[in-house]
Amino acid sequence: MGPTDVSTDSASTIKVVSLLKLTSDGSNWTTYQDHVVNAIKAKGLRCHLSGTVCKPDNLEECDGKFYKPRTMSALTNAELEAHGNEIDTYEQKEATL
């Protein structure tokens, strides 16, 4: 059996084969946990692991235009695309865990 990918995104893939194996009796749990947490942090997912990452705001639609909450000006196409990219990045990192 070969290495197993935790995710399919090559930038955030964690090879399970490179991690310490957890023994069947759990006697190495503390060391195993440290290795797993460090592997996740190394991929830039610390805030996602701890639950402190802020989800990008949902947009509000009014008369066919999109607004960030509590703003008065409609977003440009470039701002809409940038917001979509923020959402995608957030959701990809959340799914990686």
N, C-alpha and C. Protein backbone atom coordinates (compact mmCIF):
# COMPACT_ATOMS: atom_id res chain seq x y z
N MET A 1 0.84 -1.16 0.00
CA MET A 1 0.00 0.00 0.00
C MET A 1 0.89 1.23 0.00
N GLY A 2 0.64 2.17 -0.90
CA GLY A 2 1.49 3.35 -1.04
C GLY A 2 1.05 4.49 -0.14
N PRO A 3 1.71 5.65 -0.29
CA PRO A 3 1.36 6.80 0.52
C PRO A 3 -0.07 7.25 0.24
N THR A 4 -0.74 7.73 1.26
CA THR A 4 -2.10 8.20 1.13
C THR A 4 -2.11 9.71 1.24
N ASP A 5 -2.77 10.38 0.30
CA ASP A 5 -2.89 11.83 0.37
C ASP A 5 -4.06 12.20 1.24
N VAL A 6 -3.85 13.20 2.11
CA VAL A 6 -4.94 13.70 2.92
C VAL A 6 -5.81 14.61 2.07
N SER A 7 -5.26 15.27 1.07
CA SER A 7 -6.05 16.08 0.15
C SER A 7 -5.47 15.93 -1.25
N THR A 8 -6.21 16.41 -2.24
CA THR A 8 -5.75 16.27 -3.62
C THR A 8 -5.05 17.52 -4.12
N ASP A 9 -5.09 18.62 -3.39
CA ASP A 9 -4.41 19.84 -3.77
C ASP A 9 -2.93 19.68 -3.45
N SER A 10 -2.06 19.71 -4.48
CA SER A 10 -0.65 19.41 -4.25
C SER A 10 0.03 20.40 -3.31
N ALA A 11 -0.48 21.64 -3.23
CA ALA A 11 0.15 22.63 -2.35
C ALA A 11 -0.15 22.34 -0.89
N SER A 12 -1.24 21.66 -0.62
CA SER A 12 -1.59 21.41 0.77
C SER A 12 -1.71 19.92 1.09
N THR A 13 -1.13 19.08 0.24
CA THR A 13 -1.19 17.64 0.47
C THR A 13 -0.24 17.25 1.59
N ILE A 14 -0.73 16.44 2.49
CA ILE A 14 0.10 15.91 3.57
C ILE A 14 0.24 14.42 3.32
N LYS A 15 1.44 13.97 3.10
CA LYS A 15 1.67 12.54 2.88
C LYS A 15 1.63 11.82 4.22
N VAL A 16 0.66 10.95 4.36
CA VAL A 16 0.50 10.22 5.61
C VAL A 16 1.71 9.35 5.89
N VAL A 17 2.36 8.85 4.84
CA VAL A 17 3.52 7.98 5.03
C VAL A 17 4.65 8.72 5.74
N SER A 18 4.70 10.07 5.63
CA SER A 18 5.77 10.82 6.27
C SER A 18 5.48 11.10 7.74
N LEU A 19 4.27 10.78 8.19
CA LEU A 19 3.91 11.01 9.58
C LEU A 19 4.22 9.78 10.42
N LEU A 20 4.47 10.04 11.68
CA LEU A 20 4.67 8.98 12.65
C LEU A 20 3.40 8.14 12.73
N LYS A 21 3.54 6.85 12.83
CA LYS A 21 2.39 5.96 12.96
C LYS A 21 1.92 5.92 14.42
N LEU A 22 0.61 5.93 14.60
CA LEU A 22 0.04 5.79 15.94
C LEU A 22 0.01 4.31 16.29
N THR A 23 0.55 3.98 17.44
CA THR A 23 0.56 2.57 17.85
C THR A 23 -0.85 2.12 18.21
N SER A 24 -1.10 0.84 18.10
CA SER A 24 -2.45 0.31 18.36
C SER A 24 -2.90 0.54 19.79
N ASP A 25 -1.96 0.61 20.72
CA ASP A 25 -2.35 0.84 22.12
C ASP A 25 -2.36 2.34 22.47
N GLY A 26 -2.01 3.21 21.52
CA GLY A 26 -2.04 4.65 21.73
C GLY A 26 -0.96 5.18 22.64
N SER A 27 0.05 4.37 22.92
CA SER A 27 1.09 4.78 23.86
C SER A 27 1.94 5.95 23.35
N ASN A 28 1.94 6.20 22.05
CA ASN A 28 2.72 7.31 21.51
C ASN A 28 1.81 8.47 21.07
N TRP A 29 0.61 8.58 21.67
CA TRP A 29 -0.38 9.58 21.26
C TRP A 29 0.19 11.00 21.30
N THR A 30 0.87 11.38 22.37
CA THR A 30 1.38 12.74 22.50
C THR A 30 2.35 13.08 21.37
N THR A 31 3.27 12.20 21.09
CA THR A 31 4.24 12.41 20.01
C THR A 31 3.53 12.42 18.66
N TYR A 32 2.61 11.48 18.45
CA TYR A 32 1.84 11.41 17.21
C TYR A 32 1.07 12.71 16.98
N GLN A 33 0.37 13.17 18.01
CA GLN A 33 -0.41 14.39 17.91
C GLN A 33 0.48 15.57 17.53
N ASP A 34 1.64 15.70 18.18
CA ASP A 34 2.57 16.78 17.87
C ASP A 34 3.00 16.73 16.40
N HIS A 35 3.28 15.55 15.88
CA HIS A 35 3.70 15.41 14.49
C HIS A 35 2.58 15.82 13.53
N VAL A 36 1.35 15.38 13.82
CA VAL A 36 0.21 15.72 12.96
C VAL A 36 -0.05 17.22 12.98
N VAL A 37 -0.06 17.81 14.16
CA VAL A 37 -0.30 19.25 14.28
C VAL A 37 0.79 20.04 13.56
N ASN A 38 2.04 19.64 13.71
CA ASN A 38 3.14 20.33 13.02
C ASN A 38 3.03 20.20 11.52
N ALA A 39 2.60 19.04 11.02
CA ALA A 39 2.42 18.85 9.58
C ALA A 39 1.32 19.76 9.05
N ILE A 40 0.25 19.92 9.82
CA ILE A 40 -0.85 20.80 9.41
C ILE A 40 -0.40 22.26 9.45
N LYS A 41 0.32 22.65 10.48
CA LYS A 41 0.83 24.02 10.59
C LYS A 41 1.80 24.33 9.45
N ALA A 42 2.61 23.36 9.06
CA ALA A 42 3.58 23.56 7.98
C ALA A 42 2.90 23.88 6.66
N LYS A 43 1.65 23.48 6.52
CA LYS A 43 0.89 23.76 5.30
C LYS A 43 0.11 25.07 5.39
N GLY A 44 0.34 25.85 6.46
CA GLY A 44 -0.32 27.14 6.61
C GLY A 44 -1.76 27.05 7.05
N LEU A 45 -2.10 25.98 7.77
CA LEU A 45 -3.49 25.76 8.16
C LEU A 45 -3.71 25.91 9.67
N ARG A 46 -2.79 26.58 10.37
CA ARG A 46 -2.88 26.71 11.81
C ARG A 46 -4.20 27.35 12.25
N CYS A 47 -4.60 28.44 11.61
CA CYS A 47 -5.84 29.12 11.99
C CYS A 47 -7.06 28.25 11.73
N HIS A 48 -7.00 27.44 10.69
CA HIS A 48 -8.11 26.54 10.39
C HIS A 48 -8.17 25.42 11.43
N LEU A 49 -7.02 24.95 11.85
CA LEU A 49 -6.95 23.90 12.86
C LEU A 49 -7.49 24.38 14.21
N SER A 50 -7.14 25.61 14.57
CA SER A 50 -7.55 26.14 15.87
C SER A 50 -8.94 26.76 15.83
N GLY A 51 -9.48 26.94 14.64
CA GLY A 51 -10.82 27.52 14.51
C GLY A 51 -10.85 29.03 14.63
N THR A 52 -9.71 29.68 14.47
CA THR A 52 -9.65 31.13 14.61
C THR A 52 -9.67 31.87 13.29
N VAL A 53 -9.72 31.16 12.18
CA VAL A 53 -9.76 31.80 10.87
C VAL A 53 -11.12 32.48 10.70
N CYS A 54 -11.12 33.63 10.07
CA CYS A 54 -12.37 34.36 9.82
C CYS A 54 -12.87 34.02 8.43
N LYS A 55 -14.09 33.56 8.37
CA LYS A 55 -14.72 33.26 7.08
C LYS A 55 -15.02 34.58 6.38
N PRO A 56 -14.72 34.67 5.07
CA PRO A 56 -15.05 35.90 4.35
C PRO A 56 -16.56 36.18 4.42
N ASP A 57 -16.92 37.46 4.46
CA ASP A 57 -18.33 37.85 4.54
C ASP A 57 -19.11 37.34 3.33
N ASN A 58 -20.36 36.99 3.57
CA ASN A 58 -21.27 36.69 2.47
C ASN A 58 -21.68 38.02 1.85
N LEU A 59 -21.83 38.03 0.56
CA LEU A 59 -22.23 39.25 -0.13
C LEU A 59 -23.74 39.41 -0.08
N GLU A 60 -24.18 40.65 -0.11
CA GLU A 60 -25.60 40.96 -0.17
C GLU A 60 -25.91 41.46 -1.57
N GLU A 61 -27.05 41.05 -2.11
CA GLU A 61 -27.45 41.47 -3.45
C GLU A 61 -28.60 42.45 -3.34
N CYS A 62 -28.52 43.52 -4.09
CA CYS A 62 -29.60 44.51 -4.14
C CYS A 62 -29.65 45.06 -5.56
N ASP A 63 -30.78 44.90 -6.21
CA ASP A 63 -30.97 45.39 -7.59
C ASP A 63 -29.91 44.86 -8.55
N GLY A 64 -29.53 43.61 -8.39
CA GLY A 64 -28.59 42.98 -9.30
C GLY A 64 -27.13 43.34 -9.05
N LYS A 65 -26.86 44.10 -8.00
CA LYS A 65 -25.49 44.46 -7.65
C LYS A 65 -25.16 43.81 -6.31
N PHE A 66 -23.86 43.55 -6.10
CA PHE A 66 -23.42 42.87 -4.89
C PHE A 66 -22.65 43.83 -3.99
N TYR A 67 -22.89 43.68 -2.70
CA TYR A 67 -22.29 44.54 -1.69
C TYR A 67 -21.74 43.68 -0.56
N LYS A 68 -20.63 44.14 0.03
CA LYS A 68 -20.19 43.54 1.28
C LYS A 68 -21.09 44.12 2.36
N PRO A 69 -21.37 43.36 3.40
CA PRO A 69 -22.25 43.88 4.46
C PRO A 69 -21.73 45.21 5.02
N ARG A 70 -22.64 46.11 5.33
CA ARG A 70 -22.34 47.41 5.93
C ARG A 70 -21.56 48.35 5.01
N THR A 71 -21.64 48.15 3.70
CA THR A 71 -20.99 49.08 2.78
C THR A 71 -22.04 49.70 1.88
N MET A 72 -21.73 50.83 1.31
CA MET A 72 -22.70 51.54 0.49
C MET A 72 -22.40 51.47 -1.00
N SER A 73 -21.21 51.03 -1.38
CA SER A 73 -20.86 51.01 -2.80
C SER A 73 -20.85 49.57 -3.32
N ALA A 74 -21.36 49.43 -4.54
CA ALA A 74 -21.39 48.12 -5.18
C ALA A 74 -19.98 47.68 -5.53
N LEU A 75 -19.74 46.38 -5.50
CA LEU A 75 -18.42 45.84 -5.83
C LEU A 75 -18.21 45.84 -7.34
N THR A 76 -16.99 46.11 -7.74
CA THR A 76 -16.65 46.03 -9.16
C THR A 76 -16.49 44.56 -9.54
N ASN A 77 -16.39 44.28 -10.83
CA ASN A 77 -16.17 42.90 -11.27
C ASN A 77 -14.87 42.34 -10.69
N ALA A 78 -13.83 43.16 -10.64
CA ALA A 78 -12.55 42.70 -10.09
C ALA A 78 -12.69 42.40 -8.60
N GLU A 79 -13.44 43.22 -7.87
CA GLU A 79 -13.65 42.97 -6.44
C GLU A 79 -14.50 41.71 -6.23
N LEU A 80 -15.49 41.50 -7.09
CA LEU A 80 -16.30 40.28 -7.02
C LEU A 80 -15.44 39.04 -7.25
N GLU A 81 -14.55 39.11 -8.22
CA GLU A 81 -13.67 37.99 -8.51
C GLU A 81 -12.71 37.75 -7.34
N ALA A 82 -12.16 38.82 -6.78
CA ALA A 82 -11.25 38.69 -5.64
C ALA A 82 -11.98 38.07 -4.44
N HIS A 83 -13.22 38.47 -4.23
CA HIS A 83 -14.01 37.91 -3.13
C HIS A 83 -14.27 36.43 -3.38
N GLY A 84 -14.57 36.07 -4.62
CA GLY A 84 -14.77 34.66 -4.97
C GLY A 84 -13.52 33.85 -4.70
N ASN A 85 -12.36 34.41 -5.01
CA ASN A 85 -11.09 33.73 -4.75
C ASN A 85 -10.86 33.56 -3.25
N GLU A 86 -11.23 34.58 -2.45
CA GLU A 86 -11.09 34.48 -0.99
C GLU A 86 -11.96 33.33 -0.46
N ILE A 87 -13.20 33.26 -0.94
CA ILE A 87 -14.11 32.20 -0.52
C ILE A 87 -13.55 30.83 -0.91
N ASP A 88 -13.07 30.71 -2.16
CA ASP A 88 -12.50 29.44 -2.62
C ASP A 88 -11.33 29.00 -1.76
N THR A 89 -10.42 29.93 -1.49
CA THR A 89 -9.24 29.61 -0.68
C THR A 89 -9.66 29.18 0.72
N TYR A 90 -10.59 29.93 1.31
CA TYR A 90 -11.08 29.57 2.65
C TYR A 90 -11.67 28.16 2.66
N GLU A 91 -12.56 27.87 1.71
CA GLU A 91 -13.24 26.59 1.68
C GLU A 91 -12.27 25.44 1.38
N GLN A 92 -11.27 25.67 0.52
CA GLN A 92 -10.28 24.63 0.23
C GLN A 92 -9.49 24.29 1.48
N LYS A 93 -9.07 25.32 2.22
CA LYS A 93 -8.29 25.07 3.43
C LYS A 93 -9.14 24.40 4.51
N GLU A 94 -10.41 24.79 4.62
CA GLU A 94 -11.30 24.14 5.58
C GLU A 94 -11.48 22.67 5.22
N ALA A 95 -11.61 22.37 3.92
CA ALA A 95 -11.83 20.99 3.48
C ALA A 95 -10.58 20.13 3.64
N THR A 96 -9.41 20.77 3.66
CA THR A 96 -8.16 20.04 3.81
C THR A 96 -8.09 19.35 5.16
N LEU A 97 -8.66 19.96 6.17
CA LEU A 97 -8.63 19.37 7.50
C LEU A 97 -9.68 18.34 7.54
